[in-house]
Amino acid sequence: MSERQDLLEREWAELEAIVGREHIRPATLVDVVDEMLPAGVIAPGTAQEVAQVLRYCSSAGVSVVPRGGGTKLGLGNRPQKPDFMVLSTERLNRVVEHAWGDMTLTLEAGCTIDHAQGAVSQHGQRLALDPRWPEKCTVGGLLATAESGTLRIRYGAARDLVLGVEVALPDGNLIKAGGKVVKNVAGYDLTKLVIGSLGTLGVITRAVFRLHPVPVATATYSTSLSSTTELNKLVLAILNSPLVFTGLQVRAERAGDIAVDVRFEGIPESLHDAYGKLAKIAPGCTFVEASGDLWNARQKLFANPGSSVICKCSVLPAKIGALCDGVFRQTQPAGVAATFVAQGTGIGEVRLDKADAATLLNVSRALRGEVERLDGTLVVQQCPASMKDALDVWGTLKDAVPLMQQIKGKFDPARTLNPGRFVGAI
């Protein structure tokens, strides 16, 4: 037996002692991360076990990739070390507490969004989050990647709905930040620090959310536009109006073929009133009632990605029209098929298809230049693993990176968690 094999067997035995033999297994092809096969998959059953696993891996020099439902494993740089372990939160799947009178919900990190919604719907409440694939998307994965769906424009981002978190650190400690009351301002806001950190500081094991009532009725109205000038005018008119809407979406596959969707929630009478006001705000547009399935447009971008490139672009809402222009200015001459979906918050996603890898790489770079000229940012959320060797998926480094590196050094000095996968190769 080689020295390396002997070391791997000792590591395996130590991890088995923490979680039990039945909860650790060799990796298979379904566990691949950016074409790299992990050494194994471990599934702790409690927050304490997560902390113990991280402490051992940190001391043994074993890197760890946390995984929830696996819906966002394409995000980030490629893993830096080949013999990493995947830490699955599949067993941390409980609804811990639903304080329906206080409208708060405590969930373990491996709980799916669909399961959480089912638990609170019987009291006429909901978690105002609509991520992609809610039947697979877990609480921990959603918070680690800071995904925000179409409801963000009304209820805020995921971090705005979180009251507190429990996090397992690489040194084996469990820390709690925030609480489970709606007003909580004591101490440093570590909650927002770990949300969106891609699991590079610690593994979220539990989170407390504020809830909102389930609407009595919902209606979606859609209109077609032929230019980005009209698009910008309409988006700004809606944003600056007194209308209370829960979704504002732009869809386009060609520069002159644009659709805008608006969603209202409330009682039937209020929806009819909102439609009348919408017609007055945009007198030149013809809105028709449409299917609520339009709000799955973001999710459809990620269906069967194959060799596609999917980018997330963030600009000011007033620049959505310019962003749409830039997308098709770069893709159409190159023969690249582009599908553009943006929210009224200024966050847009673009899928690039039907071109060779070199062309997709060049168009991605050119598109990043367009976005940065608009003072925005572009993150490549999905692309072939080989492309990540030639493209920084996170984009131009910002002034905050040195501070982020210092924070990483404090929380994870051994670089155990997702090393190199985040901004600035953190």
Protein backbone atom coordinates (compact mmCIF):
# COMPACT_ATOMS: atom_id res chain seq x y z
CA MET A 1 0.00 0.00 0.00
CA SER A 2 1.35 3.44 -0.95
CA GLU A 3 1.79 6.20 1.57
CA ARG A 4 -0.97 8.19 -0.12
CA GLN A 5 -3.43 5.28 -0.01
CA ASP A 6 -2.63 4.74 3.65
CA LEU A 7 -3.34 8.41 4.36
CA LEU A 8 -6.66 8.29 2.51
CA GLU A 9 -7.76 5.23 4.48
CA ARG A 10 -6.93 6.93 7.78
CA GLU A 11 -8.86 10.04 6.73
CA TRP A 12 -11.83 7.88 5.73
CA ALA A 13 -11.80 6.05 9.06
CA GLU A 14 -11.75 9.32 11.01
CA LEU A 15 -14.71 10.70 9.04
CA GLU A 16 -16.64 7.43 9.43
CA ALA A 17 -16.24 7.75 13.18
CA ILE A 18 -17.97 11.14 13.05
CA VAL A 19 -20.98 10.45 10.81
CA GLY A 20 -21.24 6.66 10.69
CA ARG A 21 -20.15 4.29 7.93
CA GLU A 22 -23.49 4.48 6.11
CA HIS A 23 -23.21 8.25 5.66
CA ILE A 24 -19.92 8.40 3.79
CA ARG A 25 -19.34 6.91 0.36
CA PRO A 26 -16.99 7.03 -2.62
CA ALA A 27 -17.93 9.62 -5.22
CA THR A 28 -19.63 8.66 -8.49
CA LEU A 29 -20.16 10.52 -11.76
CA VAL A 30 -23.23 12.31 -10.37
CA ASP A 31 -20.93 13.98 -7.82
CA VAL A 32 -18.54 15.50 -10.37
CA VAL A 33 -17.77 19.20 -9.89
CA ASP A 34 -16.47 20.92 -13.04
CA GLU A 35 -15.29 17.59 -14.48
CA MET A 36 -13.41 16.78 -11.27
CA LEU A 37 -14.34 13.64 -9.34
CA PRO A 38 -14.30 14.11 -5.55
CA ALA A 39 -12.64 11.61 -3.25
CA GLY A 40 -15.96 10.99 -1.54
CA VAL A 41 -19.29 12.33 -0.30
CA ILE A 42 -20.06 12.74 3.39
CA ALA A 43 -23.50 13.55 4.83
CA PRO A 44 -23.48 14.74 8.46
CA GLY A 45 -26.79 14.44 10.30
CA THR A 46 -26.44 17.33 12.76
CA ALA A 47 -24.85 20.75 12.90
CA GLN A 48 -22.38 19.39 15.46
CA GLU A 49 -21.32 16.67 13.03
CA VAL A 50 -20.83 19.27 10.29
CA ALA A 51 -18.54 21.22 12.62
CA GLN A 52 -16.59 18.08 13.58
CA VAL A 53 -16.13 17.09 9.93
CA LEU A 54 -14.85 20.58 9.08
CA ARG A 55 -12.47 20.58 12.05
CA TYR A 56 -10.97 17.25 11.04
CA CYS A 57 -10.69 18.17 7.34
CA SER A 58 -9.05 21.48 8.26
CA SER A 59 -6.46 19.76 10.44
CA ALA A 60 -5.84 17.03 7.85
CA GLY A 61 -5.53 19.38 4.89
CA VAL A 62 -8.61 17.98 3.12
CA SER A 63 -10.58 20.55 1.13
CA VAL A 64 -14.38 20.50 1.27
CA VAL A 65 -17.03 21.50 -1.27
CA PRO A 66 -20.42 21.99 0.45
CA ARG A 67 -23.45 20.83 -1.54
CA GLY A 68 -27.20 21.18 -1.09
CA GLY A 69 -29.46 20.21 -3.98
CA GLY A 70 -26.62 20.60 -6.48
CA THR A 71 -28.53 23.13 -8.61
CA LYS A 72 -25.73 25.73 -8.55
CA LEU A 73 -22.53 23.66 -8.57
CA GLY A 74 -21.62 25.23 -11.93
CA LEU A 75 -21.05 28.57 -10.21
CA GLY A 76 -17.47 29.52 -9.35
CA ASN A 77 -13.95 28.61 -10.42
CA ARG A 78 -12.85 24.98 -10.68
CA PRO A 79 -11.79 23.24 -7.44
CA GLN A 80 -8.08 23.72 -6.81
CA LYS A 81 -7.36 20.34 -5.22
CA PRO A 82 -8.25 16.96 -6.75
CA ASP A 83 -8.86 14.96 -3.55
CA PHE A 84 -11.66 17.09 -2.14
CA MET A 85 -14.68 15.86 -0.22
CA VAL A 86 -18.24 16.87 -0.99
CA LEU A 87 -20.14 17.72 2.19
CA SER A 88 -23.82 17.08 1.52
CA THR A 89 -26.53 18.67 3.66
CA GLU A 90 -29.12 16.12 2.50
CA ARG A 91 -29.72 14.86 6.06
CA LEU A 92 -30.14 18.37 7.51
CA ASN A 93 -33.62 18.64 6.05
CA ARG A 94 -35.97 19.48 8.92
CA VAL A 95 -38.44 22.28 9.41
CA VAL A 96 -37.28 23.13 12.94
CA GLU A 97 -39.97 25.61 13.96
CA HIS A 98 -42.83 27.50 12.35
CA ALA A 99 -43.84 30.31 14.69
CA TRP A 100 -46.87 31.19 12.60
CA GLY A 101 -48.09 33.84 15.06
CA ASP A 102 -44.76 35.67 14.73
CA MET A 103 -44.53 34.81 11.01
CA THR A 104 -41.05 33.29 11.32
CA LEU A 105 -39.69 29.97 10.10
CA THR A 106 -36.57 28.07 11.22
CA LEU A 107 -35.14 25.59 8.72
CA GLU A 108 -32.14 23.30 8.49
CA ALA A 109 -29.83 23.98 5.56
CA GLY A 110 -30.77 20.89 3.56
CA CYS A 111 -34.49 21.65 3.57
CA THR A 112 -35.79 22.40 0.08
CA ILE A 113 -37.76 25.54 -0.67
CA ASP A 114 -40.75 23.49 -1.83
CA HIS A 115 -40.79 21.57 1.45
CA ALA A 116 -40.61 24.83 3.41
CA GLN A 117 -43.47 26.36 1.40
CA GLY A 118 -45.62 23.30 2.03
CA ALA A 119 -44.99 23.53 5.77
CA VAL A 120 -46.20 27.12 6.08
CA SER A 121 -48.93 27.26 3.44
CA GLN A 122 -51.50 25.67 5.76
CA HIS A 123 -51.39 28.87 7.81
CA GLY A 124 -51.76 31.08 4.73
CA GLN A 125 -48.09 32.07 4.80
CA ARG A 126 -45.16 31.76 2.42
CA LEU A 127 -41.45 32.28 2.12
CA ALA A 128 -41.22 35.13 -0.40
CA LEU A 129 -38.49 33.45 -2.43
CA ASP A 130 -38.80 31.86 -5.87
CA PRO A 131 -35.44 30.33 -6.82
CA ARG A 132 -34.88 28.03 -9.76
CA TRP A 133 -35.95 24.43 -9.17
CA PRO A 134 -37.52 24.97 -5.73
CA GLU A 135 -38.10 21.22 -5.44
CA LYS A 136 -34.30 20.74 -5.41
CA CYS A 137 -32.94 24.10 -4.24
CA THR A 138 -32.02 23.98 -0.55
CA VAL A 139 -31.94 26.75 2.03
CA GLY A 140 -28.17 26.48 2.44
CA GLY A 141 -27.45 26.54 -1.28
CA LEU A 142 -29.77 29.47 -1.87
CA LEU A 143 -28.12 31.52 0.88
CA ALA A 144 -24.55 30.53 -0.03
CA THR A 145 -25.09 31.76 -3.60
CA ALA A 146 -27.43 34.64 -2.66
CA GLU A 147 -29.86 33.71 -5.40
CA SER A 148 -32.79 36.06 -5.80
CA GLY A 149 -35.82 35.37 -7.95
CA THR A 150 -38.58 37.46 -9.44
CA LEU A 151 -40.16 38.30 -6.06
CA ARG A 152 -37.10 40.31 -5.04
CA ILE A 153 -38.47 43.53 -6.49
CA ARG A 154 -41.27 43.50 -3.89
CA TYR A 155 -39.90 41.60 -0.89
CA GLY A 156 -36.15 42.09 -1.16
CA ALA A 157 -33.27 39.69 -1.68
CA ALA A 158 -32.79 36.49 0.31
CA ARG A 159 -30.55 38.28 2.79
CA ASP A 160 -33.37 40.74 3.53
CA LEU A 161 -35.64 37.89 4.59
CA VAL A 162 -33.15 36.15 6.88
CA LEU A 163 -33.34 36.97 10.58
CA GLY A 164 -30.51 34.74 11.73
CA VAL A 165 -28.23 31.85 10.82
CA GLU A 166 -26.25 29.07 12.45
CA VAL A 167 -22.89 28.39 10.81
CA ALA A 168 -20.32 25.61 11.28
CA LEU A 169 -16.76 26.95 11.01
CA PRO A 170 -13.62 25.11 9.89
CA ASP A 171 -12.21 25.31 13.45
CA GLY A 172 -15.09 23.12 14.67
CA ASN A 173 -17.12 25.89 16.30
CA LEU A 174 -20.81 26.55 15.74
CA ILE A 175 -21.74 30.22 15.73
CA LYS A 176 -25.12 31.91 15.66
CA ALA A 177 -25.77 35.33 14.17
CA GLY A 178 -29.01 37.28 14.39
CA GLY A 179 -32.04 35.68 15.99
CA LYS A 180 -35.63 34.72 15.34
CA VAL A 181 -37.37 38.02 15.97
CA VAL A 182 -38.24 40.47 13.22
CA LYS A 183 -36.37 43.35 14.93
CA ASN A 184 -32.82 42.28 15.75
CA VAL A 185 -30.02 44.84 15.62
CA ALA A 186 -27.57 43.66 18.26
CA GLY A 187 -23.97 42.86 17.36
CA TYR A 188 -22.19 42.60 14.02
CA ASP A 189 -24.20 41.52 10.99
CA LEU A 190 -22.45 38.20 10.40
CA THR A 191 -25.63 36.93 8.78
CA LYS A 192 -25.10 39.07 5.70
CA LEU A 193 -21.39 38.23 5.70
CA VAL A 194 -21.94 34.51 5.13
CA ILE A 195 -24.86 34.94 2.71
CA GLY A 196 -23.40 35.00 -0.80
CA SER A 197 -19.96 33.80 0.32
CA LEU A 198 -20.26 30.53 -1.67
CA GLY A 199 -19.57 28.51 1.46
CA THR A 200 -16.00 29.80 1.70
CA LEU A 201 -16.28 31.05 5.30
CA GLY A 202 -18.42 28.37 6.90
CA VAL A 203 -21.27 25.97 6.22
CA ILE A 204 -24.72 27.32 7.01
CA THR A 205 -26.55 24.65 9.01
CA ARG A 206 -29.74 26.51 9.97
CA ALA A 207 -31.54 29.74 9.07
CA VAL A 208 -34.48 31.75 10.39
CA PHE A 209 -36.72 33.57 7.91
CA ARG A 210 -39.47 36.14 8.10
CA LEU A 211 -42.68 35.10 6.31
CA HIS A 212 -45.37 36.88 4.32
CA PRO A 213 -49.05 36.15 3.66
CA VAL A 214 -50.07 34.07 0.65
CA PRO A 215 -51.92 36.35 -1.82
CA VAL A 216 -55.58 35.66 -2.51
CA ALA A 217 -55.16 36.14 -6.25
CA THR A 218 -52.36 36.70 -8.77
CA ALA A 219 -52.41 38.12 -12.29
CA THR A 220 -49.69 38.60 -14.91
CA TYR A 221 -49.95 41.14 -17.74
CA SER A 222 -47.59 41.14 -20.71
CA THR A 223 -46.85 43.48 -23.60
CA SER A 224 -44.58 43.38 -26.67
CA LEU A 225 -42.12 46.09 -27.67
CA SER A 226 -40.01 46.64 -30.77
CA SER A 227 -37.14 48.71 -29.39
CA THR A 228 -34.98 49.12 -26.30
CA THR A 229 -35.91 52.80 -26.22
CA GLU A 230 -39.51 51.79 -25.61
CA LEU A 231 -38.29 49.21 -23.12
CA ASN A 232 -36.40 51.71 -20.99
CA LYS A 233 -39.29 54.17 -21.06
CA LEU A 234 -41.77 51.51 -19.93
CA VAL A 235 -39.58 50.00 -17.21
CA LEU A 236 -38.85 53.41 -15.68
CA ALA A 237 -42.52 54.44 -15.90
CA ILE A 238 -43.54 51.32 -13.96
CA LEU A 239 -40.74 51.63 -11.40
CA ASN A 240 -41.55 55.29 -10.75
CA SER A 241 -45.29 54.70 -10.49
CA PRO A 242 -47.33 54.13 -7.31
CA LEU A 243 -48.19 50.62 -8.54
CA VAL A 244 -47.50 47.79 -6.07
CA PHE A 245 -46.28 44.85 -8.15
CA THR A 246 -44.41 41.68 -7.25
CA GLY A 247 -42.71 41.03 -10.56
CA LEU A 248 -41.31 43.05 -13.46
CA GLN A 249 -39.57 41.01 -16.14
CA VAL A 250 -38.01 41.58 -19.56
CA ARG A 251 -37.65 38.78 -22.10
CA ALA A 252 -35.93 38.93 -25.49
CA GLU A 253 -34.35 36.65 -28.09
CA ARG A 254 -33.86 39.37 -30.71
CA ALA A 255 -33.16 43.09 -30.46
CA GLY A 256 -36.52 44.06 -31.96
CA ASP A 257 -38.68 41.48 -30.24
CA ILE A 258 -39.00 42.28 -26.55
CA ALA A 259 -41.66 41.32 -24.00
CA VAL A 260 -42.32 42.92 -20.62
CA ASP A 261 -44.26 41.10 -17.92
CA VAL A 262 -45.79 42.63 -14.78
CA ARG A 263 -47.24 40.61 -11.89
CA PHE A 264 -49.74 41.84 -9.33
CA GLU A 265 -50.93 40.03 -6.20
CA GLY A 266 -53.83 40.78 -3.88
CA ILE A 267 -57.60 40.43 -4.01
CA PRO A 268 -59.39 40.22 -7.40
CA GLU A 269 -60.69 43.79 -7.13
CA SER A 270 -57.19 45.17 -6.57
CA LEU A 271 -55.84 43.28 -9.58
CA HIS A 272 -58.48 44.84 -11.82
CA ASP A 273 -57.64 48.27 -10.42
CA ALA A 274 -53.91 47.69 -10.99
CA TYR A 275 -54.55 46.74 -14.63
CA GLY A 276 -56.42 50.00 -15.17
CA LYS A 277 -53.58 52.02 -13.66
CA LEU A 278 -51.01 50.12 -15.73
CA ALA A 279 -52.87 51.09 -18.92
CA LYS A 280 -52.73 54.77 -17.88
CA ILE A 281 -49.02 54.65 -17.02
CA ALA A 282 -48.17 53.08 -20.40
CA PRO A 283 -50.82 54.37 -22.82
CA GLY A 284 -48.84 53.30 -25.88
CA CYS A 285 -48.63 49.65 -24.78
CA THR A 286 -51.23 46.93 -25.04
CA PHE A 287 -51.10 44.64 -22.02
CA VAL A 288 -52.84 41.28 -22.12
CA GLU A 289 -53.30 38.78 -19.32
CA ALA A 290 -50.72 36.02 -19.59
CA SER A 291 -49.84 32.71 -18.01
CA GLY A 292 -47.95 32.67 -14.73
CA ASP A 293 -45.54 30.20 -16.37
CA LEU A 294 -43.72 33.22 -17.83
CA TRP A 295 -42.03 33.61 -14.47
CA ASN A 296 -40.14 30.36 -15.07
CA ALA A 297 -38.18 32.05 -17.87
CA ARG A 298 -35.05 32.23 -15.66
CA GLN A 299 -35.24 28.54 -14.88
CA LYS A 300 -35.67 27.62 -18.55
CA LEU A 301 -32.36 29.34 -19.33
CA PHE A 302 -30.60 26.65 -17.29
CA ALA A 303 -32.43 23.66 -18.74
CA ASN A 304 -30.00 21.25 -20.47
CA PRO A 305 -27.09 23.73 -20.47
CA GLY A 306 -24.69 21.43 -22.34
CA SER A 307 -21.96 23.63 -23.85
CA SER A 308 -23.94 26.84 -23.36
CA VAL A 309 -22.63 29.86 -21.48
CA ILE A 310 -25.02 31.53 -19.01
CA CYS A 311 -24.08 34.93 -17.62
CA LYS A 312 -25.58 37.02 -14.83
CA CYS A 313 -25.40 40.76 -15.52
CA SER A 314 -26.13 43.44 -12.93
CA VAL A 315 -26.75 47.05 -13.89
CA LEU A 316 -28.89 49.92 -12.66
CA PRO A 317 -32.58 49.51 -13.57
CA ALA A 318 -32.33 52.59 -15.78
CA LYS A 319 -29.76 50.77 -17.92
CA ILE A 320 -31.72 47.60 -18.67
CA GLY A 321 -32.44 48.81 -22.21
CA ALA A 322 -28.75 49.54 -22.81
CA LEU A 323 -27.87 46.10 -21.44
CA CYS A 324 -30.33 44.47 -23.83
CA ASP A 325 -28.80 46.45 -26.70
CA GLY A 326 -25.29 45.36 -25.70
CA VAL A 327 -26.25 41.69 -25.54
CA PHE A 328 -27.53 41.55 -29.11
CA ARG A 329 -24.86 43.91 -30.45
CA GLN A 330 -22.23 41.37 -29.41
CA THR A 331 -24.06 38.15 -30.18
CA GLN A 332 -25.87 38.67 -33.48
CA PRO A 333 -22.80 39.54 -35.65
CA ALA A 334 -20.98 36.52 -34.17
CA GLY A 335 -23.83 34.17 -35.02
CA VAL A 336 -24.45 33.35 -31.37
CA ALA A 337 -28.03 32.66 -30.29
CA ALA A 338 -28.86 34.69 -27.18
CA THR A 339 -31.78 34.50 -24.78
CA PHE A 340 -32.08 37.47 -22.42
CA VAL A 341 -34.19 37.56 -19.25
CA ALA A 342 -33.96 40.51 -16.84
CA GLN A 343 -35.77 41.68 -13.73
CA GLY A 344 -36.77 45.22 -12.93
CA THR A 345 -34.07 45.25 -10.25
CA GLY A 346 -31.44 45.48 -13.02
CA ILE A 347 -30.33 41.85 -12.75
CA GLY A 348 -30.32 40.08 -16.11
CA GLU A 349 -29.32 36.62 -17.27
CA VAL A 350 -28.13 35.75 -20.76
CA ARG A 351 -27.81 32.31 -22.31
CA LEU A 352 -25.37 32.01 -25.24
CA ASP A 353 -25.83 29.06 -27.63
CA LYS A 354 -25.16 27.57 -31.04
CA ALA A 355 -21.50 28.44 -31.50
CA ASP A 356 -18.12 26.82 -31.02
CA ALA A 357 -16.26 27.16 -27.72
CA ALA A 358 -13.82 29.80 -29.01
CA THR A 359 -16.64 32.01 -30.26
CA LEU A 360 -18.59 31.67 -27.01
CA LEU A 361 -15.45 32.60 -25.07
CA ASN A 362 -14.83 35.71 -27.18
CA VAL A 363 -18.46 36.81 -27.01
CA SER A 364 -18.51 36.31 -23.22
CA ARG A 365 -15.48 38.58 -22.90
CA ALA A 366 -17.00 41.18 -25.21
CA LEU A 367 -20.26 41.06 -23.31
CA ARG A 368 -18.41 41.62 -20.04
CA GLY A 369 -16.88 44.73 -21.60
CA GLU A 370 -20.37 45.98 -22.53
CA VAL A 371 -21.62 45.47 -18.97
CA GLU A 372 -18.62 47.13 -17.37
CA ARG A 373 -19.06 50.16 -19.63
CA LEU A 374 -22.50 50.41 -18.04
CA ASP A 375 -20.83 50.35 -14.60
CA GLY A 376 -22.22 46.88 -14.02
CA THR A 377 -20.84 43.43 -13.34
CA LEU A 378 -20.99 40.12 -15.19
CA VAL A 379 -20.58 36.70 -13.58
CA VAL A 380 -20.46 33.53 -15.66
CA GLN A 381 -22.86 31.22 -13.85
CA GLN A 382 -22.59 28.23 -16.16
CA CYS A 383 -20.10 27.22 -18.83
CA PRO A 384 -18.02 24.20 -19.89
CA ALA A 385 -15.38 23.44 -17.27
CA SER A 386 -12.58 23.80 -19.85
CA MET A 387 -13.62 27.42 -20.49
CA LYS A 388 -12.94 28.30 -16.84
CA ASP A 389 -9.23 27.80 -17.48
CA ALA A 390 -9.31 30.74 -19.91
CA LEU A 391 -11.97 32.94 -18.33
CA ASP A 392 -12.33 34.40 -14.85
CA VAL A 393 -15.96 33.64 -14.18
CA TRP A 394 -16.20 36.39 -11.53
CA GLY A 395 -14.86 39.20 -13.72
CA THR A 396 -12.76 42.26 -13.00
CA LEU A 397 -11.40 42.34 -9.47
CA LYS A 398 -12.74 45.11 -7.27
CA ASP A 399 -11.23 47.03 -4.34
CA ALA A 400 -13.05 44.80 -1.86
CA VAL A 401 -11.00 41.70 -2.70
CA PRO A 402 -8.11 42.39 -0.26
CA LEU A 403 -10.63 42.80 2.57
CA MET A 404 -12.41 39.60 1.49
CA GLN A 405 -9.10 37.75 1.54
CA GLN A 406 -8.43 38.96 5.08
CA ILE A 407 -11.86 37.77 6.20
CA LYS A 408 -11.23 34.40 4.56
CA GLY A 409 -7.95 34.18 6.46
CA LYS A 410 -9.72 34.78 9.77
CA PHE A 411 -12.55 32.30 9.23
CA ASP A 412 -10.71 29.63 7.23
CA PRO A 413 -6.93 30.01 7.56
CA ALA A 414 -6.26 26.48 6.25
CA ARG A 415 -8.36 27.21 3.12
CA THR A 416 -10.52 24.16 3.70
CA LEU A 417 -13.82 25.40 2.26
CA ASN A 418 -14.15 25.75 -1.53
CA PRO A 419 -10.55 26.97 -1.94
CA GLY A 420 -10.04 29.11 -5.04
CA ARG A 421 -13.64 28.92 -6.21
CA PHE A 422 -14.78 32.40 -5.15
CA VAL A 423 -13.92 35.97 -6.20
CA GLY A 424 -10.17 36.59 -6.45
CA ALA A 425 -9.51 32.84 -6.10
CA ILE A 426 -10.46 33.06 -2.42
